[in-house]
Amino acid sequence: MNFRDLLIYLVLFVSGALFLNSCDASIADDENRAVYVWSHNDYWQDRPLYDALELGYQMIEADIHLIDGELYVAHDPPDPAETPTLTDLYLEPLSRWIEQNDGSVLPGSELPFYLAVDVKTEAESTFDVLLDQLEPYRQLLTRKENSEWIDGPVRILMTGNRPALEADRADRMVFIDGRVPDLGNGKSDELYPVISDRWGNYFTWDGHGDIPEDELRQLEVWVDQAHEEEKTIRFWATPDREAIWQVLYDAGVDIINVDDLEKLSRYLEENDIPL
């Protein structure tokens, strides 16, 4: 082998080694990627807001009902006299939590924090009141002012009955939770950063046995499509079973929707899955 051939061989060898190392690194990174946890119906926890925050969970859901100009947190139409308001149960405590943590919700977390507001009453009228109630906390929110984005420690994500908003509006304090049919329809990730849908609308598997191959393939297709559009993806009404969580994580689903916060916390710790 002459010097020129030896030089070419060494270049190819080193390039190949670097490529394999980069592939291994990307695989390792993917295998150890951080996952979002969505505290579903968080107000049913023993300590709403705080149970999820103390476990490091980055998405907390509050169902809201507009009654006589006030927003009440409950799953079903509530009795206002016996039901906490969104401000009392979430907005004000979250504000104090951020102050105690020097302007951050979860210090050290690389993932944005979302307060998901699930609107149970008429979309537009509830949205108008929500904006009024968010105004005192504007400085805490990731928002758009005069067409410029300003980062804040909290993102407000509207789900359930969602208002009609335009992605290019100059001022905005909320994001919208998309649905699977929104994929491929040109929905901006700046307005629709999350795609969510009911698991049972598309899948029959409940965590017992193996997931059917056709359902796994469909799941992976939607995950890939959401990621191509720079969106995260979630399915709700999934059973709180480890087999479900493992398939979701392995398929690349970004957000695990959960009711049993402690059970999921143990699962994540045992499987070295970071938040």
C-alpha atoms as a PDB file:
ATOM      1  CA  MET A   1       0.000   0.000   0.000  1.00  0.00           C
ATOM      2  CA  ASN A   2       1.508   3.321  -1.044  1.00  0.00           C
ATOM      3  CA  PHE A   3       1.305   6.503   1.032  1.00  0.00           C
ATOM      4  CA  ARG A   4      -1.640   7.928  -0.919  1.00  0.00           C
ATOM      5  CA  ASP A   5      -3.720   4.768  -0.468  1.00  0.00           C
ATOM      6  CA  LEU A   6      -2.818   4.640   3.210  1.00  0.00           C
ATOM      7  CA  LEU A   7      -3.894   8.251   3.655  1.00  0.00           C
ATOM      8  CA  ILE A   8      -7.242   7.602   1.949  1.00  0.00           C
ATOM      9  CA  TYR A   9      -7.775   4.523   4.114  1.00  0.00           C
ATOM     10  CA  LEU A  10      -7.088   6.460   7.307  1.00  0.00           C
ATOM     11  CA  VAL A  11      -9.445   9.270   6.307  1.00  0.00           C
ATOM     12  CA  LEU A  12     -12.244   6.799   5.534  1.00  0.00           C
ATOM     13  CA  PHE A  13     -11.611   4.888   8.745  1.00  0.00           C
ATOM     14  CA  VAL A  14     -11.677   7.994  10.938  1.00  0.00           C
ATOM     15  CA  SER A  15     -14.746   9.382   9.141  1.00  0.00           C
ATOM     16  CA  GLY A  16     -16.571   6.103   9.606  1.00  0.00           C
ATOM     17  CA  ALA A  17     -15.655   5.947  13.278  1.00  0.00           C
ATOM     18  CA  LEU A  18     -16.872   9.504  13.838  1.00  0.00           C
ATOM     19  CA  PHE A  19     -20.133   8.752  12.032  1.00  0.00           C
ATOM     20  CA  LEU A  20     -20.771   5.644  14.149  1.00  0.00           C
ATOM     21  CA  ASN A  21     -19.977   7.528  17.319  1.00  0.00           C
ATOM     22  CA  SER A  22     -22.390  10.289  16.327  1.00  0.00           C
ATOM     23  CA  CYS A  23     -25.080   7.709  15.577  1.00  0.00           C
ATOM     24  CA  ASP A  24     -24.490   6.007  18.908  1.00  0.00           C
ATOM     25  CA  ALA A  25     -24.678   9.360  20.665  1.00  0.00           C
ATOM     26  CA  SER A  26     -27.934  10.259  18.952  1.00  0.00           C
ATOM     27  CA  ILE A  27     -29.399   6.865  19.815  1.00  0.00           C
ATOM     28  CA  ALA A  28     -28.277   7.239  23.408  1.00  0.00           C
ATOM     29  CA  ASP A  29     -29.724  10.724  23.542  1.00  0.00           C
ATOM     30  CA  ASP A  30     -33.014   9.436  22.159  1.00  0.00           C
ATOM     31  CA  GLU A  31     -33.104   6.549  24.594  1.00  0.00           C
ATOM     32  CA  ASN A  32     -32.565   8.953  27.482  1.00  0.00           C
ATOM     33  CA  ARG A  33     -34.682  11.827  26.215  1.00  0.00           C
ATOM     34  CA  ALA A  34     -36.647  13.846  28.712  1.00  0.00           C
ATOM     35  CA  VAL A  35     -40.375  13.277  28.827  1.00  0.00           C
ATOM     36  CA  TYR A  36     -43.212  15.617  29.670  1.00  0.00           C
ATOM     37  CA  VAL A  37     -45.749  14.551  32.273  1.00  0.00           C
ATOM     38  CA  TRP A  38     -49.275  15.956  32.047  1.00  0.00           C
ATOM     39  CA  SER A  39     -51.076  15.929  35.399  1.00  0.00           C
ATOM     40  CA  HIS A  40     -54.547  15.122  34.143  1.00  0.00           C
ATOM     41  CA  ASN A  41     -57.442  16.609  36.143  1.00  0.00           C
ATOM     42  CA  ASP A  42     -54.826  17.922  38.528  1.00  0.00           C
ATOM     43  CA  TYR A  43     -57.429  19.475  40.824  1.00  0.00           C
ATOM     44  CA  TRP A  44     -58.335  15.920  41.945  1.00  0.00           C
ATOM     45  CA  GLN A  45     -54.901  15.451  43.496  1.00  0.00           C
ATOM     46  CA  ASP A  46     -54.565  15.658  47.276  1.00  0.00           C
ATOM     47  CA  ARG A  47     -52.617  18.885  46.849  1.00  0.00           C
ATOM     48  CA  PRO A  48     -53.533  20.422  43.497  1.00  0.00           C
ATOM     49  CA  LEU A  49     -50.588  22.055  41.715  1.00  0.00           C
ATOM     50  CA  TYR A  50     -48.077  21.208  44.457  1.00  0.00           C
ATOM     51  CA  ASP A  51     -48.119  17.407  44.121  1.00  0.00           C
ATOM     52  CA  ALA A  52     -47.194  17.680  40.443  1.00  0.00           C
ATOM     53  CA  LEU A  53     -44.660  20.476  40.901  1.00  0.00           C
ATOM     54  CA  GLU A  54     -42.818  18.669  43.680  1.00  0.00           C
ATOM     55  CA  LEU A  55     -42.451  15.645  41.397  1.00  0.00           C
ATOM     56  CA  GLY A  56     -41.029  17.859  38.657  1.00  0.00           C
ATOM     57  CA  TYR A  57     -43.971  17.500  36.274  1.00  0.00           C
ATOM     58  CA  GLN A  58     -44.156  20.191  33.625  1.00  0.00           C
ATOM     59  CA  MET A  59     -47.797  20.166  32.463  1.00  0.00           C
ATOM     60  CA  ILE A  60     -50.718  20.700  34.810  1.00  0.00           C
ATOM     61  CA  GLU A  61     -54.336  20.634  33.700  1.00  0.00           C
ATOM     62  CA  ALA A  62     -57.209  22.580  35.213  1.00  0.00           C
ATOM     63  CA  ASP A  63     -60.760  22.249  33.869  1.00  0.00           C
ATOM     64  CA  ILE A  64     -62.617  25.548  33.993  1.00  0.00           C
ATOM     65  CA  HIS A  65     -66.260  26.642  33.876  1.00  0.00           C
ATOM     66  CA  LEU A  66     -67.394  30.210  33.287  1.00  0.00           C
ATOM     67  CA  ILE A  67     -70.208  31.096  35.693  1.00  0.00           C
ATOM     68  CA  ASP A  68     -71.387  34.680  36.274  1.00  0.00           C
ATOM     69  CA  GLY A  69     -68.117  36.163  35.103  1.00  0.00           C
ATOM     70  CA  GLU A  70     -65.868  33.895  37.197  1.00  0.00           C
ATOM     71  CA  LEU A  71     -63.780  30.843  36.262  1.00  0.00           C
ATOM     72  CA  TYR A  72     -64.291  27.825  38.509  1.00  0.00           C
ATOM     73  CA  VAL A  73     -62.125  24.698  38.507  1.00  0.00           C
ATOM     74  CA  ALA A  74     -64.112  21.464  38.291  1.00  0.00           C
ATOM     75  CA  HIS A  75     -64.747  18.556  35.953  1.00  0.00           C
ATOM     76  CA  ASP A  76     -68.536  18.860  35.880  1.00  0.00           C
ATOM     77  CA  PRO A  77     -70.707  21.981  36.161  1.00  0.00           C
ATOM     78  CA  PRO A  78     -69.974  23.121  39.718  1.00  0.00           C
ATOM     79  CA  ASP A  79     -71.684  24.815  42.615  1.00  0.00           C
ATOM     80  CA  PRO A  80     -69.796  28.124  42.767  1.00  0.00           C
ATOM     81  CA  ALA A  81     -70.221  28.334  46.508  1.00  0.00           C
ATOM     82  CA  GLU A  82     -68.239  25.120  46.976  1.00  0.00           C
ATOM     83  CA  THR A  83     -65.737  25.322  44.100  1.00  0.00           C
ATOM     84  CA  PRO A  84     -62.322  27.036  43.943  1.00  0.00           C
ATOM     85  CA  THR A  85     -61.571  29.569  41.251  1.00  0.00           C
ATOM     86  CA  LEU A  86     -58.754  29.325  38.721  1.00  0.00           C
ATOM     87  CA  THR A  87     -57.033  32.292  40.338  1.00  0.00           C
ATOM     88  CA  ASP A  88     -57.203  30.884  43.861  1.00  0.00           C
ATOM     89  CA  LEU A  89     -56.259  27.306  43.007  1.00  0.00           C
ATOM     90  CA  TYR A  90     -53.647  27.866  40.291  1.00  0.00           C
ATOM     91  CA  LEU A  91     -52.746  31.366  39.135  1.00  0.00           C
ATOM     92  CA  GLU A  92     -51.929  32.925  42.489  1.00  0.00           C
ATOM     93  CA  PRO A  93     -50.192  29.862  44.039  1.00  0.00           C
ATOM     94  CA  LEU A  94     -48.163  29.385  40.848  1.00  0.00           C
ATOM     95  CA  SER A  95     -47.119  33.038  40.981  1.00  0.00           C
ATOM     96  CA  ARG A  96     -45.893  32.612  44.560  1.00  0.00           C
ATOM     97  CA  TRP A  97     -44.094  29.372  43.647  1.00  0.00           C
ATOM     98  CA  ILE A  98     -42.232  31.133  40.829  1.00  0.00           C
ATOM     99  CA  GLU A  99     -41.234  33.972  43.134  1.00  0.00           C
ATOM    100  CA  GLN A 100     -39.826  31.489  45.643  1.00  0.00           C
ATOM    101  CA  ASN A 101     -37.836  29.814  42.839  1.00  0.00           C
ATOM    102  CA  ASP A 102     -36.230  33.012  41.564  1.00  0.00           C
ATOM    103  CA  GLY A 103     -38.421  33.345  38.509  1.00  0.00           C
ATOM    104  CA  SER A 104     -38.591  29.684  37.466  1.00  0.00           C
ATOM    105  CA  VAL A 105     -41.261  27.019  37.826  1.00  0.00           C
ATOM    106  CA  LEU A 106     -38.919  24.028  37.776  1.00  0.00           C
ATOM    107  CA  PRO A 107     -35.299  25.127  38.199  1.00  0.00           C
ATOM    108  CA  GLY A 108     -32.994  23.011  36.061  1.00  0.00           C
ATOM    109  CA  SER A 109     -35.703  21.720  33.726  1.00  0.00           C
ATOM    110  CA  GLU A 110     -34.972  22.187  30.033  1.00  0.00           C
ATOM    111  CA  LEU A 111     -38.630  21.805  29.056  1.00  0.00           C
ATOM    112  CA  PRO A 112     -41.104  24.707  29.099  1.00  0.00           C
ATOM    113  CA  PHE A 113     -43.786  24.577  31.774  1.00  0.00           C
ATOM    114  CA  TYR A 114     -47.441  24.550  30.694  1.00  0.00           C
ATOM    115  CA  LEU A 115     -50.596  25.316  32.613  1.00  0.00           C
ATOM    116  CA  ALA A 116     -53.248  23.620  30.480  1.00  0.00           C
ATOM    117  CA  VAL A 117     -56.684  25.191  30.785  1.00  0.00           C
ATOM    118  CA  ASP A 118     -59.414  22.774  29.690  1.00  0.00           C
ATOM    119  CA  VAL A 119     -62.422  24.918  28.798  1.00  0.00           C
ATOM    120  CA  LYS A 120     -65.742  23.244  29.590  1.00  0.00           C
ATOM    121  CA  THR A 121     -68.010  26.187  28.772  1.00  0.00           C
ATOM    122  CA  GLU A 122     -68.444  28.218  25.577  1.00  0.00           C
ATOM    123  CA  ALA A 123     -65.058  28.907  24.037  1.00  0.00           C
ATOM    124  CA  GLU A 124     -65.055  32.597  23.134  1.00  0.00           C
ATOM    125  CA  SER A 125     -66.758  33.992  26.232  1.00  0.00           C
ATOM    126  CA  THR A 126     -64.604  31.843  28.519  1.00  0.00           C
ATOM    127  CA  PHE A 127     -61.496  32.962  26.634  1.00  0.00           C
ATOM    128  CA  ASP A 128     -62.364  36.636  27.126  1.00  0.00           C
ATOM    129  CA  VAL A 129     -62.661  36.191  30.896  1.00  0.00           C
ATOM    130  CA  LEU A 130     -59.493  34.085  30.966  1.00  0.00           C
ATOM    131  CA  LEU A 131     -57.541  36.900  29.313  1.00  0.00           C
ATOM    132  CA  ASP A 132     -58.776  39.336  31.948  1.00  0.00           C
ATOM    133  CA  GLN A 133     -57.705  36.996  34.730  1.00  0.00           C
ATOM    134  CA  LEU A 134     -54.304  36.339  33.156  1.00  0.00           C
ATOM    135  CA  GLU A 135     -53.524  40.040  32.784  1.00  0.00           C
ATOM    136  CA  PRO A 136     -52.156  40.519  36.350  1.00  0.00           C
ATOM    137  CA  TYR A 137     -49.767  37.628  35.671  1.00  0.00           C
ATOM    138  CA  ARG A 138     -48.709  38.751  32.190  1.00  0.00           C
ATOM    139  CA  GLN A 139     -45.037  39.091  33.160  1.00  0.00           C
ATOM    140  CA  LEU A 140     -44.943  35.383  34.074  1.00  0.00           C
ATOM    141  CA  LEU A 141     -46.220  34.216  30.695  1.00  0.00           C
ATOM    142  CA  THR A 142     -44.547  33.413  27.415  1.00  0.00           C
ATOM    143  CA  ARG A 143     -46.417  35.867  25.254  1.00  0.00           C
ATOM    144  CA  LYS A 144     -46.425  37.896  22.067  1.00  0.00           C
ATOM    145  CA  GLU A 145     -46.393  41.677  22.309  1.00  0.00           C
ATOM    146  CA  ASN A 146     -46.318  43.879  19.215  1.00  0.00           C
ATOM    147  CA  SER A 147     -45.419  40.805  17.144  1.00  0.00           C
ATOM    148  CA  GLU A 148     -42.379  40.036  19.337  1.00  0.00           C
ATOM    149  CA  TRP A 149     -42.116  36.920  21.491  1.00  0.00           C
ATOM    150  CA  ILE A 150     -41.232  37.389  25.160  1.00  0.00           C
ATOM    151  CA  ASP A 151     -40.238  34.357  27.196  1.00  0.00           C
ATOM    152  CA  GLY A 152     -41.821  33.739  30.572  1.00  0.00           C
ATOM    153  CA  PRO A 153     -41.719  30.789  32.973  1.00  0.00           C
ATOM    154  CA  VAL A 154     -45.311  29.708  32.138  1.00  0.00           C
ATOM    155  CA  ARG A 155     -47.098  28.857  28.914  1.00  0.00           C
ATOM    156  CA  ILE A 156     -50.899  28.848  28.947  1.00  0.00           C
ATOM    157  CA  LEU A 157     -52.293  26.071  26.744  1.00  0.00           C
ATOM    158  CA  MET A 158     -56.010  26.134  25.963  1.00  0.00           C
ATOM    159  CA  THR A 159     -57.631  22.774  25.417  1.00  0.00           C
ATOM    160  CA  GLY A 160     -61.210  21.494  25.432  1.00  0.00           C
ATOM    161  CA  ASN A 161     -63.442  24.152  23.886  1.00  0.00           C
ATOM    162  CA  ARG A 162     -60.816  26.280  22.170  1.00  0.00           C
ATOM    163  CA  PRO A 163     -61.269  29.775  20.732  1.00  0.00           C
ATOM    164  CA  ALA A 164     -60.514  30.615  17.113  1.00  0.00           C
ATOM    165  CA  LEU A 165     -57.141  32.380  17.048  1.00  0.00           C
ATOM    166  CA  GLU A 166     -54.800  33.356  14.252  1.00  0.00           C
ATOM    167  CA  ALA A 167     -51.131  32.394  14.475  1.00  0.00           C
ATOM    168  CA  ASP A 168     -49.955  35.777  13.216  1.00  0.00           C
ATOM    169  CA  ARG A 169     -51.899  37.999  15.598  1.00  0.00           C
ATOM    170  CA  ALA A 170     -49.588  40.625  17.090  1.00  0.00           C
ATOM    171  CA  ASP A 171     -50.512  40.075  20.747  1.00  0.00           C
ATOM    172  CA  ARG A 172     -51.204  36.746  22.401  1.00  0.00           C
ATOM    173  CA  MET A 173     -50.916  35.182  25.858  1.00  0.00           C
ATOM    174  CA  VAL A 174     -52.119  31.648  25.098  1.00  0.00           C
ATOM    175  CA  PHE A 175     -51.338  28.642  22.927  1.00  0.00           C
ATOM    176  CA  ILE A 176     -53.853  26.160  21.494  1.00  0.00           C
ATOM    177  CA  ASP A 177     -53.867  22.391  21.991  1.00  0.00           C
ATOM    178  CA  GLY A 178     -54.265  20.758  18.565  1.00  0.00           C
ATOM    179  CA  ARG A 179     -55.835  17.446  17.558  1.00  0.00           C
ATOM    180  CA  VAL A 180     -54.596  14.606  15.358  1.00  0.00           C
ATOM    181  CA  PRO A 181     -56.647  15.854  12.356  1.00  0.00           C
ATOM    182  CA  ASP A 182     -54.709  19.131  12.622  1.00  0.00           C
ATOM    183  CA  LEU A 183     -51.534  17.339  11.544  1.00  0.00           C
ATOM    184  CA  GLY A 184     -50.635  18.073   7.948  1.00  0.00           C
ATOM    185  CA  ASN A 185     -53.006  21.039   7.777  1.00  0.00           C
ATOM    186  CA  GLY A 186     -50.440  23.807   8.052  1.00  0.00           C
ATOM    187  CA  LYS A 187     -51.189  24.653  11.686  1.00  0.00           C
ATOM    188  CA  SER A 188     -48.347  26.781  12.992  1.00  0.00           C
ATOM    189  CA  ASP A 189     -46.328  25.341  15.868  1.00  0.00           C
ATOM    190  CA  GLU A 190     -46.231  28.893  17.260  1.00  0.00           C
ATOM    191  CA  LEU A 191     -49.969  28.625  17.932  1.00  0.00           C
ATOM    192  CA  TYR A 192     -50.364  24.826  18.111  1.00  0.00           C
ATOM    193  CA  PRO A 193     -47.233  23.556  19.914  1.00  0.00           C
ATOM    194  CA  VAL A 194     -49.014  20.422  21.173  1.00  0.00           C
ATOM    195  CA  ILE A 195     -51.137  17.778  19.468  1.00  0.00           C
ATOM    196  CA  SER A 196     -53.476  15.922  21.826  1.00  0.00           C
ATOM    197  CA  ASP A 197     -56.207  13.375  21.258  1.00  0.00           C
ATOM    198  CA  ARG A 198     -58.171  10.654  23.008  1.00  0.00           C
ATOM    199  CA  TRP A 199     -56.371   7.305  22.884  1.00  0.00           C
ATOM    200  CA  GLY A 200     -59.591   5.340  22.412  1.00  0.00           C
ATOM    201  CA  ASN A 201     -60.498   7.314  19.291  1.00  0.00           C
ATOM    202  CA  TYR A 202     -57.727   5.534  17.390  1.00  0.00           C
ATOM    203  CA  PHE A 203     -56.435   2.589  19.426  1.00  0.00           C
ATOM    204  CA  THR A 204     -57.967  -0.505  21.022  1.00  0.00           C
ATOM    205  CA  TRP A 205     -54.902  -1.606  22.990  1.00  0.00           C
ATOM    206  CA  ASP A 206     -55.281  -1.103  26.756  1.00  0.00           C
ATOM    207  CA  GLY A 207     -51.855  -2.210  27.954  1.00  0.00           C
ATOM    208  CA  HIS A 208     -52.605  -5.928  28.225  1.00  0.00           C
ATOM    209  CA  GLY A 209     -50.515  -8.149  25.946  1.00  0.00           C
ATOM    210  CA  ASP A 210     -48.714  -6.617  22.985  1.00  0.00           C
ATOM    211  CA  ILE A 211     -49.930  -3.604  21.076  1.00  0.00           C
ATOM    212  CA  PRO A 212     -51.197  -4.667  17.620  1.00  0.00           C
ATOM    213  CA  GLU A 213     -48.634  -4.002  14.905  1.00  0.00           C
ATOM    214  CA  ASP A 214     -50.961  -1.831  12.845  1.00  0.00           C
ATOM    215  CA  GLU A 215     -51.735   0.361  15.870  1.00  0.00           C
ATOM    216  CA  LEU A 216     -48.046   0.716  16.722  1.00  0.00           C
ATOM    217  CA  ARG A 217     -47.247   1.716  13.145  1.00  0.00           C
ATOM    218  CA  GLN A 218     -50.046   4.307  13.148  1.00  0.00           C
ATOM    219  CA  LEU A 219     -48.806   5.701  16.452  1.00  0.00           C
ATOM    220  CA  GLU A 220     -45.291   6.048  15.073  1.00  0.00           C
ATOM    221  CA  VAL A 221     -46.578   7.763  11.920  1.00  0.00           C
ATOM    222  CA  TRP A 222     -48.365  10.442  13.960  1.00  0.00           C
ATOM    223  CA  VAL A 223     -45.373  10.905  16.255  1.00  0.00           C
ATOM    224  CA  ASP A 224     -43.080  11.394  13.264  1.00  0.00           C
ATOM    225  CA  GLN A 225     -45.505  13.788  11.631  1.00  0.00           C
ATOM    226  CA  ALA A 226     -45.888  15.861  14.805  1.00  0.00           C
ATOM    227  CA  HIS A 227     -42.117  16.053  15.182  1.00  0.00           C
ATOM    228  CA  GLU A 228     -41.664  17.068  11.544  1.00  0.00           C
ATOM    229  CA  GLU A 229     -43.998  19.972  12.314  1.00  0.00           C
ATOM    230  CA  GLU A 230     -41.978  20.743  15.473  1.00  0.00           C
ATOM    231  CA  LYS A 231     -44.893  19.859  17.742  1.00  0.00           C
ATOM    232  CA  THR A 232     -45.125  17.611  20.771  1.00  0.00           C
ATOM    233  CA  ILE A 233     -47.798  14.914  20.958  1.00  0.00           C
ATOM    234  CA  ARG A 234     -49.987  13.462  23.717  1.00  0.00           C
ATOM    235  CA  PHE A 235     -52.835  10.995  24.074  1.00  0.00           C
ATOM    236  CA  TRP A 236     -55.293  11.224  26.926  1.00  0.00           C
ATOM    237  CA  ALA A 237     -57.526   8.597  28.532  1.00  0.00           C
ATOM    238  CA  THR A 238     -54.656   6.108  28.437  1.00  0.00           C
ATOM    239  CA  PRO A 239     -54.753   3.552  31.271  1.00  0.00           C
ATOM    240  CA  ASP A 240     -52.171   4.230  33.984  1.00  0.00           C
ATOM    241  CA  ARG A 241     -50.214   1.077  33.157  1.00  0.00           C
ATOM    242  CA  GLU A 242     -46.478   0.649  32.768  1.00  0.00           C
ATOM    243  CA  ALA A 243     -46.873  -1.228  29.477  1.00  0.00           C
ATOM    244  CA  ILE A 244     -48.716   1.755  28.014  1.00  0.00           C
ATOM    245  CA  TRP A 245     -46.089   4.203  29.254  1.00  0.00           C
ATOM    246  CA  GLN A 246     -43.256   2.099  27.833  1.00  0.00           C
ATOM    247  CA  VAL A 247     -44.837   1.859  24.373  1.00  0.00           C
ATOM    248  CA  LEU A 248     -45.555   5.591  24.337  1.00  0.00           C
ATOM    249  CA  TYR A 249     -41.991   6.420  25.322  1.00  0.00           C
ATOM    250  CA  ASP A 250     -40.424   3.943  22.897  1.00  0.00           C
ATOM    251  CA  ALA A 251     -42.590   5.290  20.061  1.00  0.00           C
ATOM    252  CA  GLY A 252     -41.358   8.822  20.728  1.00  0.00           C
ATOM    253  CA  VAL A 253     -44.528  10.233  22.296  1.00  0.00           C
ATOM    254  CA  ASP A 254     -43.427  13.395  24.104  1.00  0.00           C
ATOM    255  CA  ILE A 255     -46.066  13.696  26.801  1.00  0.00           C
ATOM    256  CA  ILE A 256     -47.372  11.040  29.184  1.00  0.00           C
ATOM    257  CA  ASN A 257     -50.882  11.823  30.383  1.00  0.00           C
ATOM    258  CA  VAL A 258     -51.405  10.492  33.904  1.00  0.00           C
ATOM    259  CA  ASP A 259     -53.731  10.526  36.905  1.00  0.00           C
ATOM    260  CA  ASP A 260     -51.589   8.458  39.308  1.00  0.00           C
ATOM    261  CA  LEU A 261     -48.643  10.802  39.733  1.00  0.00           C
ATOM    262  CA  GLU A 262     -46.761   8.730  42.287  1.00  0.00           C
ATOM    263  CA  LYS A 263     -47.012   5.527  40.255  1.00  0.00           C
ATOM    264  CA  LEU A 264     -45.584   7.221  37.180  1.00  0.00           C
ATOM    265  CA  SER A 265     -42.839   8.841  39.231  1.00  0.00           C
ATOM    266  CA  ARG A 266     -41.698   5.405  40.443  1.00  0.00           C
ATOM    267  CA  TYR A 267     -41.787   4.054  36.893  1.00  0.00           C
ATOM    268  CA  LEU A 268     -39.696   6.928  35.520  1.00  0.00           C
ATOM    269  CA  GLU A 269     -37.133   6.555  38.290  1.00  0.00           C
ATOM    270  CA  GLU A 270     -36.854   2.775  37.888  1.00  0.00           C
ATOM    271  CA  ASN A 271     -36.344   3.142  34.135  1.00  0.00           C
ATOM    272  CA  ASP A 272     -33.944   6.108  34.307  1.00  0.00           C
ATOM    273  CA  ILE A 273     -36.258   8.296  32.234  1.00  0.00           C
ATOM    274  CA  PRO A 274     -35.545  11.970  32.917  1.00  0.00           C
ATOM    275  CA  LEU A 275     -38.042  14.789  33.132  1.00  0.00           C
END
